[in-house]
Structure formats: structure tokens, C-alpha cells
Amino acid sequence: MSHDDAVPQTPEQLAAFMTGLAFEPPPEPQDEQALLDSLPAAGSSVMVVRSLRLPIELDQAVASAAQAAEVPKTAWIRQAIEMALAVQADDDQPISRAEALRALTLLRPARHVA
């Protein structure tokens, strides 16, 4: 059964659908407080679901990295986003890998003192 099968398509189907609706009475005062207490506290961390499309190769790389870090993929992605935002917040300017390698080749090796 597709989603469209559940949606009324004619006025008669809509009338039958509306007739079948039943509304619950509002909660009693003692139940209302319990419902309010079950909500997240103001200022608490509320998670938001985001959907994104990844090429299969990138998804596989994320899965491998998450497995190596022993965290779920969503946690790994969240940490990667947090790191990217931290770098951006520090007004850090990313450089290319080639520039980084060029800079590293100019460094002298550390001398070990016994």
C-alpha cells in the first residue's frame, strides 16, 4: 500500500476519514504536569535530525573511520562538523595539502640530546 492510498482522494473518502477521527480529551491537571515535566529542560541540548546525501565512497570512508574510532557514524560525523566549526571559529585559514607538505620539508629535523 503506497502513501497515496492512505490519503482521501474524493469528498466521500474525506468525509469518511473525518468521521473516523477521534479526539482525546485534554489531560487532567495532574497528568498535564507530568507531561510538562517529561519535556526537555529549557536550555538543554535538543538534537535536530538532518538528512544529507553522500557519495557511496564518502559514506564508506565515514563508516570505516567511525568503526576505527569505535563510535557510531552519526557521532563521527557530528564530531567532524564540530572540529570544522572550531577551526573556522578561530579564524584559522585552511591550506592545501601541497602547501602543508612544502612547509614541512623546510623544517630541520629535531636534534636528540642524550
PDB file of N, CA and C in Angstrom:
ATOM      1  N   MET A   1       0.837  -1.172   0.000  1.00  0.00           N
ATOM      2  CA  MET A   1       0.000   0.000   0.000  1.00  0.00           C
ATOM      3  C   MET A   1       0.889   1.244   0.000  1.00  0.00           C
ATOM      4  N   SER A   2       0.687   2.103  -0.966  1.00  0.00           N
ATOM      5  CA  SER A   2       1.501   3.310  -1.054  1.00  0.00           C
ATOM      6  C   SER A   2       0.923   4.383  -0.140  1.00  0.00           C
ATOM      7  N   HIS A   3       1.697   5.438   0.035  1.00  0.00           N
ATOM      8  CA  HIS A   3       1.264   6.556   0.875  1.00  0.00           C
ATOM      9  C   HIS A   3       0.006   7.205   0.301  1.00  0.00           C
ATOM     10  N   ASP A   4      -0.099   7.273  -1.018  1.00  0.00           N
ATOM     11  CA  ASP A   4      -1.260   7.907  -1.657  1.00  0.00           C
ATOM     12  C   ASP A   4      -2.554   7.151  -1.374  1.00  0.00           C
ATOM     13  N   ASP A   5      -2.471   5.843  -1.120  1.00  0.00           N
ATOM     14  CA  ASP A   5      -3.667   5.063  -0.818  1.00  0.00           C
ATOM     15  C   ASP A   5      -4.290   5.488   0.505  1.00  0.00           C
ATOM     16  N   ALA A   6      -3.492   6.008   1.424  1.00  0.00           N
ATOM     17  CA  ALA A   6      -3.989   6.399   2.742  1.00  0.00           C
ATOM     18  C   ALA A   6      -4.585   7.802   2.737  1.00  0.00           C
ATOM     19  N   VAL A   7      -4.337   8.563   1.694  1.00  0.00           N
ATOM     20  CA  VAL A   7      -4.832   9.935   1.611  1.00  0.00           C
ATOM     21  C   VAL A   7      -6.178   9.933   0.904  1.00  0.00           C
ATOM     22  N   PRO A   8      -7.202  10.532   1.525  1.00  0.00           N
ATOM     23  CA  PRO A   8      -8.512  10.584   0.849  1.00  0.00           C
ATOM     24  C   PRO A   8      -8.398  11.305  -0.491  1.00  0.00           C
ATOM     25  N   GLN A   9      -9.017  10.702  -1.527  1.00  0.00           N
ATOM     26  CA  GLN A   9      -8.928  11.253  -2.882  1.00  0.00           C
ATOM     27  C   GLN A   9     -10.222  11.905  -3.345  1.00  0.00           C
ATOM     28  N   THR A  10     -11.321  11.604  -2.692  1.00  0.00           N
ATOM     29  CA  THR A  10     -12.623  12.142  -3.102  1.00  0.00           C
ATOM     30  C   THR A  10     -13.298  12.774  -1.892  1.00  0.00           C
ATOM     31  N   PRO A  11     -14.308  13.626  -2.127  1.00  0.00           N
ATOM     32  CA  PRO A  11     -15.036  14.207  -0.985  1.00  0.00           C
ATOM     33  C   PRO A  11     -15.652  13.135  -0.086  1.00  0.00           C
ATOM     34  N   GLU A  12     -16.123  12.050  -0.665  1.00  0.00           N
ATOM     35  CA  GLU A  12     -16.727  10.983   0.130  1.00  0.00           C
ATOM     36  C   GLU A  12     -15.680  10.314   1.023  1.00  0.00           C
ATOM     37  N   GLN A  13     -14.493  10.062   0.455  1.00  0.00           N
ATOM     38  CA  GLN A  13     -13.423   9.457   1.242  1.00  0.00           C
ATOM     39  C   GLN A  13     -12.984  10.400   2.370  1.00  0.00           C
ATOM     40  N   LEU A  14     -12.955  11.693   2.074  1.00  0.00           N
ATOM     41  CA  LEU A  14     -12.572  12.673   3.082  1.00  0.00           C
ATOM     42  C   LEU A  14     -13.606  12.706   4.208  1.00  0.00           C
ATOM     43  N   ALA A  15     -14.883  12.674   3.855  1.00  0.00           N
ATOM     44  CA  ALA A  15     -15.942  12.682   4.869  1.00  0.00           C
ATOM     45  C   ALA A  15     -15.826  11.438   5.752  1.00  0.00           C
ATOM     46  N   ALA A  16     -15.571  10.283   5.145  1.00  0.00           N
ATOM     47  CA  ALA A  16     -15.429   9.052   5.919  1.00  0.00           C
ATOM     48  C   ALA A  16     -14.205   9.135   6.817  1.00  0.00           C
ATOM     49  N   PHE A  17     -13.149   9.696   6.308  1.00  0.00           N
ATOM     50  CA  PHE A  17     -11.931   9.855   7.096  1.00  0.00           C
ATOM     51  C   PHE A  17     -12.182  10.758   8.297  1.00  0.00           C
ATOM     52  N   MET A  18     -12.824  11.892   8.062  1.00  0.00           N
ATOM     53  CA  MET A  18     -13.093  12.841   9.137  1.00  0.00           C
ATOM     54  C   MET A  18     -14.030  12.249  10.183  1.00  0.00           C
ATOM     55  N   THR A  19     -14.987  11.452   9.741  1.00  0.00           N
ATOM     56  CA  THR A  19     -15.914  10.819  10.674  1.00  0.00           C
ATOM     57  C   THR A  19     -15.183   9.837  11.582  1.00  0.00           C
ATOM     58  N   GLY A  20     -14.148   9.213  11.069  1.00  0.00           N
ATOM     59  CA  GLY A  20     -13.398   8.230  11.837  1.00  0.00           C
ATOM     60  C   GLY A  20     -12.416   8.827  12.832  1.00  0.00           C
ATOM     61  N   LEU A  21     -12.208  10.149  12.774  1.00  0.00           N
ATOM     62  CA  LEU A  21     -11.278  10.777  13.708  1.00  0.00           C
ATOM     63  C   LEU A  21     -11.880  10.838  15.107  1.00  0.00           C
ATOM     64  N   ALA A  22     -11.065  10.581  16.093  1.00  0.00           N
ATOM     65  CA  ALA A  22     -11.497  10.690  17.480  1.00  0.00           C
ATOM     66  C   ALA A  22     -10.465  11.536  18.222  1.00  0.00           C
ATOM     67  N   PHE A  23     -10.930  12.525  18.915  1.00  0.00           N
ATOM     68  CA  PHE A  23     -10.029  13.414  19.650  1.00  0.00           C
ATOM     69  C   PHE A  23     -10.012  13.017  21.115  1.00  0.00           C
ATOM     70  N   GLU A  24      -8.832  13.066  21.688  1.00  0.00           N
ATOM     71  CA  GLU A  24      -8.691  12.731  23.099  1.00  0.00           C
ATOM     72  C   GLU A  24      -9.018  13.959  23.931  1.00  0.00           C
ATOM     73  N   PRO A  25      -9.600  13.756  25.110  1.00  0.00           N
ATOM     74  CA  PRO A  25      -9.866  14.900  25.979  1.00  0.00           C
ATOM     75  C   PRO A  25      -8.543  15.472  26.477  1.00  0.00           C
ATOM     76  N   PRO A  26      -8.538  16.740  26.852  1.00  0.00           N
ATOM     77  CA  PRO A  26      -7.293  17.312  27.383  1.00  0.00           C
ATOM     78  C   PRO A  26      -6.878  16.581  28.656  1.00  0.00           C
ATOM     79  N   PRO A  27      -5.586  16.574  28.955  1.00  0.00           N
ATOM     80  CA  PRO A  27      -5.134  15.859  30.150  1.00  0.00           C
ATOM     81  C   PRO A  27      -5.651  16.513  31.424  1.00  0.00           C
ATOM     82  N   GLU A  28      -5.780  15.688  32.439  1.00  0.00           N
ATOM     83  CA  GLU A  28      -6.154  16.194  33.760  1.00  0.00           C
ATOM     84  C   GLU A  28      -4.992  17.030  34.301  1.00  0.00           C
ATOM     85  N   PRO A  29      -5.246  17.950  35.216  1.00  0.00           N
ATOM     86  CA  PRO A  29      -4.156  18.804  35.738  1.00  0.00           C
ATOM     87  C   PRO A  29      -2.943  18.018  36.238  1.00  0.00           C
ATOM     88  N   GLN A  30      -3.160  16.921  36.964  1.00  0.00           N
ATOM     89  CA  GLN A  30      -2.011  16.156  37.461  1.00  0.00           C
ATOM     90  C   GLN A  30      -1.277  15.478  36.310  1.00  0.00           C
ATOM     91  N   ASP A  31      -1.987  15.051  35.267  1.00  0.00           N
ATOM     92  CA  ASP A  31      -1.345  14.449  34.099  1.00  0.00           C
ATOM     93  C   ASP A  31      -0.631  15.506  33.259  1.00  0.00           C
ATOM     94  N   GLU A  32      -1.207  16.692  33.214  1.00  0.00           N
ATOM     95  CA  GLU A  32      -0.601  17.779  32.440  1.00  0.00           C
ATOM     96  C   GLU A  32       0.777  18.125  32.997  1.00  0.00           C
ATOM     97  N   GLN A  33       0.905  18.181  34.304  1.00  0.00           N
ATOM     98  CA  GLN A  33       2.201  18.486  34.907  1.00  0.00           C
ATOM     99  C   GLN A  33       3.213  17.397  34.606  1.00  0.00           C
ATOM    100  N   ALA A  34       2.774  16.145  34.618  1.00  0.00           N
ATOM    101  CA  ALA A  34       3.682  15.044  34.295  1.00  0.00           C
ATOM    102  C   ALA A  34       4.157  15.154  32.849  1.00  0.00           C
ATOM    103  N   LEU A  35       3.263  15.543  31.947  1.00  0.00           N
ATOM    104  CA  LEU A  35       3.655  15.727  30.546  1.00  0.00           C
ATOM    105  C   LEU A  35       4.653  16.869  30.409  1.00  0.00           C
ATOM    106  N   LEU A  36       4.398  17.969  31.110  1.00  0.00           N
ATOM    107  CA  LEU A  36       5.319  19.107  31.050  1.00  0.00           C
ATOM    108  C   LEU A  36       6.677  18.738  31.637  1.00  0.00           C
ATOM    109  N   ASP A  37       6.682  17.946  32.696  1.00  0.00           N
ATOM    110  CA  ASP A  37       7.942  17.525  33.304  1.00  0.00           C
ATOM    111  C   ASP A  37       8.744  16.598  32.401  1.00  0.00           C
ATOM    112  N   SER A  38       8.062  15.918  31.476  1.00  0.00           N
ATOM    113  CA  SER A  38       8.759  14.996  30.582  1.00  0.00           C
ATOM    114  C   SER A  38       9.452  15.717  29.424  1.00  0.00           C
ATOM    115  N   LEU A  39       9.153  17.008  29.225  1.00  0.00           N
ATOM    116  CA  LEU A  39       9.797  17.778  28.160  1.00  0.00           C
ATOM    117  C   LEU A  39      11.226  18.112  28.550  1.00  0.00           C
ATOM    118  N   PRO A  40      12.117  18.310  27.551  1.00  0.00           N
ATOM    119  CA  PRO A  40      13.498  18.700  27.881  1.00  0.00           C
ATOM    120  C   PRO A  40      13.503  20.044  28.609  1.00  0.00           C
ATOM    121  N   ALA A  41      14.422  20.203  29.546  1.00  0.00           N
ATOM    122  CA  ALA A  41      14.542  21.454  30.290  1.00  0.00           C
ATOM    123  C   ALA A  41      14.964  22.580  29.352  1.00  0.00           C
ATOM    124  N   ALA A  42      14.530  23.783  29.678  1.00  0.00           N
ATOM    125  CA  ALA A  42      14.911  24.952  28.876  1.00  0.00           C
ATOM    126  C   ALA A  42      16.427  25.068  28.856  1.00  0.00           C
ATOM    127  N   GLY A  43      16.983  25.281  27.696  1.00  0.00           N
ATOM    128  CA  GLY A  43      18.422  25.411  27.549  1.00  0.00           C
ATOM    129  C   GLY A  43      19.152  24.086  27.447  1.00  0.00           C
ATOM    130  N   SER A  44      18.423  22.978  27.545  1.00  0.00           N
ATOM    131  CA  SER A  44      19.090  21.686  27.426  1.00  0.00           C
ATOM    132  C   SER A  44      19.370  21.388  25.956  1.00  0.00           C
ATOM    133  N   SER A  45      20.224  20.436  25.743  1.00  0.00           N
ATOM    134  CA  SER A  45      20.626  20.086  24.388  1.00  0.00           C
ATOM    135  C   SER A  45      19.530  19.272  23.703  1.00  0.00           C
ATOM    136  N   VAL A  46      18.981  19.840  22.649  1.00  0.00           N
ATOM    137  CA  VAL A  46      17.965  19.149  21.858  1.00  0.00           C
ATOM    138  C   VAL A  46      18.614  18.780  20.534  1.00  0.00           C
ATOM    139  N   MET A  47      18.527  17.524  20.161  1.00  0.00           N
ATOM    140  CA  MET A  47      19.132  17.060  18.918  1.00  0.00           C
ATOM    141  C   MET A  47      18.181  17.322  17.756  1.00  0.00           C
ATOM    142  N   VAL A  48      18.727  17.777  16.648  1.00  0.00           N
ATOM    143  CA  VAL A  48      17.978  18.043  15.434  1.00  0.00           C
ATOM    144  C   VAL A  48      18.416  17.035  14.384  1.00  0.00           C
ATOM    145  N   VAL A  49      17.465  16.445  13.719  1.00  0.00           N
ATOM    146  CA  VAL A  49      17.769  15.468  12.677  1.00  0.00           C
ATOM    147  C   VAL A  49      18.005  16.214  11.368  1.00  0.00           C
ATOM    148  N   ARG A  50      19.104  15.917  10.705  1.00  0.00           N
ATOM    149  CA  ARG A  50      19.434  16.477   9.392  1.00  0.00           C
ATOM    150  C   ARG A  50      19.631  15.316   8.433  1.00  0.00           C
ATOM    151  N   SER A  51      19.154  15.489   7.237  1.00  0.00           N
ATOM    152  CA  SER A  51      19.331  14.473   6.218  1.00  0.00           C
ATOM    153  C   SER A  51      20.315  15.014   5.187  1.00  0.00           C
ATOM    154  N   LEU A  52      21.267  14.191   4.791  1.00  0.00           N
ATOM    155  CA  LEU A  52      22.204  14.621   3.765  1.00  0.00           C
ATOM    156  C   LEU A  52      22.534  13.463   2.847  1.00  0.00           C
ATOM    157  N   ARG A  53      22.913  13.793   1.651  1.00  0.00           N
ATOM    158  CA  ARG A  53      23.278  12.781   0.655  1.00  0.00           C
ATOM    159  C   ARG A  53      24.794  12.764   0.525  1.00  0.00           C
ATOM    160  N   LEU A  54      25.344  11.556   0.560  1.00  0.00           N
ATOM    161  CA  LEU A  54      26.785  11.384   0.420  1.00  0.00           C
ATOM    162  C   LEU A  54      27.059  10.419  -0.720  1.00  0.00           C
ATOM    163  N   PRO A  55      28.117  10.654  -1.475  1.00  0.00           N
ATOM    164  CA  PRO A  55      28.521   9.641  -2.448  1.00  0.00           C
ATOM    165  C   PRO A  55      28.873   8.358  -1.694  1.00  0.00           C
ATOM    166  N   ILE A  56      28.672   7.230  -2.311  1.00  0.00           N
ATOM    167  CA  ILE A  56      28.888   5.943  -1.660  1.00  0.00           C
ATOM    168  C   ILE A  56      30.310   5.812  -1.126  1.00  0.00           C
ATOM    169  N   GLU A  57      31.283   6.328  -1.862  1.00  0.00           N
ATOM    170  CA  GLU A  57      32.675   6.234  -1.424  1.00  0.00           C
ATOM    171  C   GLU A  57      32.891   7.019  -0.135  1.00  0.00           C
ATOM    172  N   LEU A  58      32.284   8.206  -0.049  1.00  0.00           N
ATOM    173  CA  LEU A  58      32.426   9.021   1.156  1.00  0.00           C
ATOM    174  C   LEU A  58      31.723   8.353   2.340  1.00  0.00           C
ATOM    175  N   ASP A  59      30.562   7.771   2.094  1.00  0.00           N
ATOM    176  CA  ASP A  59      29.843   7.074   3.160  1.00  0.00           C
ATOM    177  C   ASP A  59      30.650   5.889   3.668  1.00  0.00           C
ATOM    178  N   GLN A  60      31.278   5.170   2.766  1.00  0.00           N
ATOM    179  CA  GLN A  60      32.105   4.030   3.172  1.00  0.00           C
ATOM    180  C   GLN A  60      33.324   4.494   3.966  1.00  0.00           C
ATOM    181  N   ALA A  61      33.909   5.625   3.556  1.00  0.00           N
ATOM    182  CA  ALA A  61      35.059   6.166   4.290  1.00  0.00           C
ATOM    183  C   ALA A  61      34.636   6.607   5.691  1.00  0.00           C
ATOM    184  N   VAL A  62      33.468   7.225   5.805  1.00  0.00           N
ATOM    185  CA  VAL A  62      32.941   7.636   7.114  1.00  0.00           C
ATOM    186  C   VAL A  62      32.696   6.398   7.976  1.00  0.00           C
ATOM    187  N   ALA A  63      32.116   5.359   7.387  1.00  0.00           N
ATOM    188  CA  ALA A  63      31.841   4.129   8.130  1.00  0.00           C
ATOM    189  C   ALA A  63      33.139   3.518   8.644  1.00  0.00           C
ATOM    190  N   SER A  64      34.163   3.501   7.821  1.00  0.00           N
ATOM    191  CA  SER A  64      35.458   2.941   8.234  1.00  0.00           C
ATOM    192  C   SER A  64      36.088   3.770   9.353  1.00  0.00           C
ATOM    193  N   ALA A  65      36.030   5.101   9.199  1.00  0.00           N
ATOM    194  CA  ALA A  65      36.606   5.979  10.216  1.00  0.00           C
ATOM    195  C   ALA A  65      35.849   5.852  11.531  1.00  0.00           C
ATOM    196  N   ALA A  66      34.536   5.764  11.457  1.00  0.00           N
ATOM    197  CA  ALA A  66      33.726   5.624  12.669  1.00  0.00           C
ATOM    198  C   ALA A  66      34.010   4.288  13.356  1.00  0.00           C
ATOM    199  N   GLN A  67      34.144   3.241  12.557  1.00  0.00           N
ATOM    200  CA  GLN A  67      34.442   1.930  13.122  1.00  0.00           C
ATOM    201  C   GLN A  67      35.810   1.948  13.802  1.00  0.00           C
ATOM    202  N   ALA A  68      36.789   2.586  13.161  1.00  0.00           N
ATOM    203  CA  ALA A  68      38.129   2.667  13.750  1.00  0.00           C
ATOM    204  C   ALA A  68      38.107   3.466  15.054  1.00  0.00           C
ATOM    205  N   ALA A  69      37.263   4.486  15.109  1.00  0.00           N
ATOM    206  CA  ALA A  69      37.147   5.307  16.322  1.00  0.00           C
ATOM    207  C   ALA A  69      36.200   4.684  17.345  1.00  0.00           C
ATOM    208  N   GLU A  70      35.562   3.581  16.952  1.00  0.00           N
ATOM    209  CA  GLU A  70      34.619   2.864  17.818  1.00  0.00           C
ATOM    210  C   GLU A  70      33.469   3.757  18.277  1.00  0.00           C
ATOM    211  N   VAL A  71      32.932   4.534  17.319  1.00  0.00           N
ATOM    212  CA  VAL A  71      31.759   5.372  17.575  1.00  0.00           C
ATOM    213  C   VAL A  71      30.773   5.155  16.438  1.00  0.00           C
ATOM    214  N   PRO A  72      29.494   5.444  16.663  1.00  0.00           N
ATOM    215  CA  PRO A  72      28.528   5.357  15.561  1.00  0.00           C
ATOM    216  C   PRO A  72      28.847   6.396  14.480  1.00  0.00           C
ATOM    217  N   LYS A  73      28.401   6.109  13.263  1.00  0.00           N
ATOM    218  CA  LYS A  73      28.667   7.038  12.155  1.00  0.00           C
ATOM    219  C   LYS A  73      28.129   8.434  12.458  1.00  0.00           C
ATOM    220  N   THR A  74      26.943   8.525  13.038  1.00  0.00           N
ATOM    221  CA  THR A  74      26.376   9.846  13.314  1.00  0.00           C
ATOM    222  C   THR A  74      27.240  10.619  14.301  1.00  0.00           C
ATOM    223  N   ALA A  75      27.785   9.933  15.293  1.00  0.00           N
ATOM    224  CA  ALA A  75      28.665  10.604  16.253  1.00  0.00           C
ATOM    225  C   ALA A  75      29.943  11.066  15.564  1.00  0.00           C
ATOM    226  N   TRP A  76      30.482  10.239  14.667  1.00  0.00           N
ATOM    227  CA  TRP A  76      31.702  10.610  13.961  1.00  0.00           C
ATOM    228  C   TRP A  76      31.458  11.846  13.086  1.00  0.00           C
ATOM    229  N   ILE A  77      30.340  11.852  12.376  1.00  0.00           N
ATOM    230  CA  ILE A  77      30.001  12.999  11.518  1.00  0.00           C
ATOM    231  C   ILE A  77      29.812  14.250  12.367  1.00  0.00           C
ATOM    232  N   ARG A  78      29.119  14.107  13.504  1.00  0.00           N
ATOM    233  CA  ARG A  78      28.895  15.245  14.396  1.00  0.00           C
ATOM    234  C   ARG A  78      30.230  15.803  14.897  1.00  0.00           C
ATOM    235  N   GLN A  79      31.159  14.910  15.278  1.00  0.00           N
ATOM    236  CA  GLN A  79      32.474  15.354  15.745  1.00  0.00           C
ATOM    237  C   GLN A  79      33.246  16.054  14.635  1.00  0.00           C
ATOM    238  N   ALA A  80      33.136  15.550  13.409  1.00  0.00           N
ATOM    239  CA  ALA A  80      33.832  16.179  12.279  1.00  0.00           C
ATOM    240  C   ALA A  80      33.287  17.582  12.036  1.00  0.00           C
ATOM    241  N   ILE A  81      31.982  17.732  12.137  1.00  0.00           N
ATOM    242  CA  ILE A  81      31.376  19.060  11.962  1.00  0.00           C
ATOM    243  C   ILE A  81      31.825  19.992  13.083  1.00  0.00           C
ATOM    244  N   GLU A  82      31.837  19.484  14.316  1.00  0.00           N
ATOM    245  CA  GLU A  82      32.279  20.299  15.454  1.00  0.00           C
ATOM    246  C   GLU A  82      33.721  20.754  15.276  1.00  0.00           C
ATOM    247  N   MET A  83      34.601  19.858  14.798  1.00  0.00           N
ATOM    248  CA  MET A  83      36.003  20.228  14.574  1.00  0.00           C
ATOM    249  C   MET A  83      36.114  21.286  13.481  1.00  0.00           C
ATOM    250  N   ALA A  84      35.354  21.118  12.404  1.00  0.00           N
ATOM    251  CA  ALA A  84      35.401  22.095  11.315  1.00  0.00           C
ATOM    252  C   ALA A  84      34.930  23.458  11.799  1.00  0.00           C
ATOM    253  N   LEU A  85      33.892  23.477  12.612  1.00  0.00           N
ATOM    254  CA  LEU A  85      33.396  24.745  13.147  1.00  0.00           C
ATOM    255  C   LEU A  85      34.391  25.374  14.112  1.00  0.00           C
ATOM    256  N   ALA A  86      35.079  24.550  14.904  1.00  0.00           N
ATOM    257  CA  ALA A  86      36.079  25.076  15.837  1.00  0.00           C
ATOM    258  C   ALA A  86      37.224  25.733  15.075  1.00  0.00           C
ATOM    259  N   VAL A  87      37.663  25.105  14.003  1.00  0.00           N
ATOM    260  CA  VAL A  87      38.730  25.675  13.186  1.00  0.00           C
ATOM    261  C   VAL A  87      38.264  26.987  12.576  1.00  0.00           C
ATOM    262  N   GLN A  88      37.051  26.996  12.075  1.00  0.00           N
ATOM    263  CA  GLN A  88      36.507  28.202  11.454  1.00  0.00           C
ATOM    264  C   GLN A  88      36.342  29.312  12.482  1.00  0.00           C
ATOM    265  N   ALA A  89      35.932  28.973  13.699  1.00  0.00           N
ATOM    266  CA  ALA A  89      35.700  29.971  14.733  1.00  0.00           C
ATOM    267  C   ALA A  89      36.989  30.649  15.166  1.00  0.00           C
ATOM    268  N   ASP A  90      38.110  29.951  15.062  1.00  0.00           N
ATOM    269  CA  ASP A  90      39.393  30.519  15.454  1.00  0.00           C
ATOM    270  C   ASP A  90      40.002  31.377  14.350  1.00  0.00           C
ATOM    271  N   ASP A  91      39.235  31.663  13.331  1.00  0.00           N
ATOM    272  CA  ASP A  91      39.710  32.432  12.178  1.00  0.00           C
ATOM    273  C   ASP A  91      40.933  31.787  11.545  1.00  0.00           C
ATOM    274  N   ASP A  92      41.018  30.483  11.639  1.00  0.00           N
ATOM    275  CA  ASP A  92      42.100  29.733  11.032  1.00  0.00           C
ATOM    276  C   ASP A  92      41.810  29.604   9.545  1.00  0.00           C
ATOM    277  N   GLN A  93      42.820  29.773   8.729  1.00  0.00           N
ATOM    278  CA  GLN A  93      42.645  29.660   7.287  1.00  0.00           C
ATOM    279  C   GLN A  93      43.215  28.319   6.834  1.00  0.00           C
ATOM    280  N   PRO A  94      42.370  27.435   6.309  1.00  0.00           N
ATOM    281  CA  PRO A  94      42.903  26.145   5.851  1.00  0.00           C
ATOM    282  C   PRO A  94      43.860  26.341   4.672  1.00  0.00           C
ATOM    283  N   ILE A  95      44.842  25.449   4.594  1.00  0.00           N
ATOM    284  CA  ILE A  95      45.769  25.488   3.476  1.00  0.00           C
ATOM    285  C   ILE A  95      45.696  24.148   2.759  1.00  0.00           C
ATOM    286  N   SER A  96      46.203  24.123   1.553  1.00  0.00           N
ATOM    287  CA  SER A  96      46.166  22.885   0.788  1.00  0.00           C
ATOM    288  C   SER A  96      47.196  21.905   1.340  1.00  0.00           C
ATOM    289  N   ARG A  97      47.014  20.649   1.036  1.00  0.00           N
ATOM    290  CA  ARG A  97      47.954  19.613   1.463  1.00  0.00           C
ATOM    291  C   ARG A  97      49.335  19.890   0.857  1.00  0.00           C
ATOM    292  N   ALA A  98      49.359  20.337  -0.391  1.00  0.00           N
ATOM    293  CA  ALA A  98      50.642  20.624  -1.049  1.00  0.00           C
ATOM    294  C   ALA A  98      51.378  21.738  -0.305  1.00  0.00           C
ATOM    295  N   GLU A  99      50.671  22.777   0.120  1.00  0.00           N
ATOM    296  CA  GLU A  99      51.321  23.863   0.866  1.00  0.00           C
ATOM    297  C   GLU A  99      51.833  23.369   2.210  1.00  0.00           C
ATOM    298  N   ALA A 100      51.070  22.496   2.868  1.00  0.00           N
ATOM    299  CA  ALA A 100      51.497  21.956   4.159  1.00  0.00           C
ATOM    300  C   ALA A 100      52.758  21.113   3.991  1.00  0.00           C
ATOM    301  N   LEU A 101      52.775  20.269   2.973  1.00  0.00           N
ATOM    302  CA  LEU A 101      53.955  19.430   2.738  1.00  0.00           C
ATOM    303  C   LEU A 101      55.171  20.286   2.392  1.00  0.00           C
ATOM    304  N   ARG A 102      54.971  21.329   1.598  1.00  0.00           N
ATOM    305  CA  ARG A 102      56.070  22.224   1.244  1.00  0.00           C
ATOM    306  C   ARG A 102      56.640  22.869   2.506  1.00  0.00           C
ATOM    307  N   ALA A 103      55.768  23.323   3.408  1.00  0.00           N
ATOM    308  CA  ALA A 103      56.221  23.949   4.652  1.00  0.00           C
ATOM    309  C   ALA A 103      56.951  22.943   5.538  1.00  0.00           C
ATOM    310  N   LEU A 104      56.454  21.720   5.590  1.00  0.00           N
ATOM    311  CA  LEU A 104      57.097  20.699   6.427  1.00  0.00           C
ATOM    312  C   LEU A 104      58.482  20.321   5.912  1.00  0.00           C
ATOM    313  N   THR A 105      58.694  20.337   4.602  1.00  0.00           N
ATOM    314  CA  THR A 105      60.007  19.970   4.056  1.00  0.00           C
ATOM    315  C   THR A 105      61.064  21.010   4.406  1.00  0.00           C
ATOM    316  N   LEU A 106      60.635  22.223   4.760  1.00  0.00           N
ATOM    317  CA  LEU A 106      61.597  23.274   5.109  1.00  0.00           C
ATOM    318  C   LEU A 106      62.044  23.185   6.568  1.00  0.00           C
ATOM    319  N   LEU A 107      61.383  22.373   7.360  1.00  0.00           N
ATOM    320  CA  LEU A 107      61.747  22.238   8.775  1.00  0.00           C
ATOM    321  C   LEU A 107      63.001  21.383   8.925  1.00  0.00           C
ATOM    322  N   ARG A 108      63.828  21.741   9.884  1.00  0.00           N
ATOM    323  CA  ARG A 108      65.023  20.955  10.175  1.00  0.00           C
ATOM    324  C   ARG A 108      64.638  19.834  11.136  1.00  0.00           C
ATOM    325  N   PRO A 109      65.277  18.685  11.037  1.00  0.00           N
ATOM    326  CA  PRO A 109      64.959  17.600  11.964  1.00  0.00           C
ATOM    327  C   PRO A 109      65.346  17.997  13.395  1.00  0.00           C
ATOM    328  N   ALA A 110      64.590  17.500  14.341  1.00  0.00           N
ATOM    329  CA  ALA A 110      64.885  17.764  15.747  1.00  0.00           C
ATOM    330  C   ALA A 110      66.139  17.018  16.147  1.00  0.00           C
ATOM    331  N   ARG A 111      66.991  17.668  16.929  1.00  0.00           N
ATOM    332  CA  ARG A 111      68.206  17.029  17.416  1.00  0.00           C
ATOM    333  C   ARG A 111      67.906  16.432  18.783  1.00  0.00           C
ATOM    334  N   HIS A 112      68.264  15.187  18.925  1.00  0.00           N
ATOM    335  CA  HIS A 112      68.046  14.498  20.195  1.00  0.00           C
ATOM    336  C   HIS A 112      69.285  14.645  21.068  1.00  0.00           C
ATOM    337  N   VAL A 113      69.075  15.153  22.259  1.00  0.00           N
ATOM    338  CA  VAL A 113      70.177  15.318  23.211  1.00  0.00           C
ATOM    339  C   VAL A 113      70.123  14.158  24.209  1.00  0.00           C
ATOM    340  N   ALA A 114      71.239  13.462  24.367  1.00  0.00           N
ATOM    341  CA  ALA A 114      71.262  12.308  25.256  1.00  0.00           C
ATOM    342  C   ALA A 114      71.493  12.704  26.672  1.00  0.00           C
TER     343      ALA A 114
END
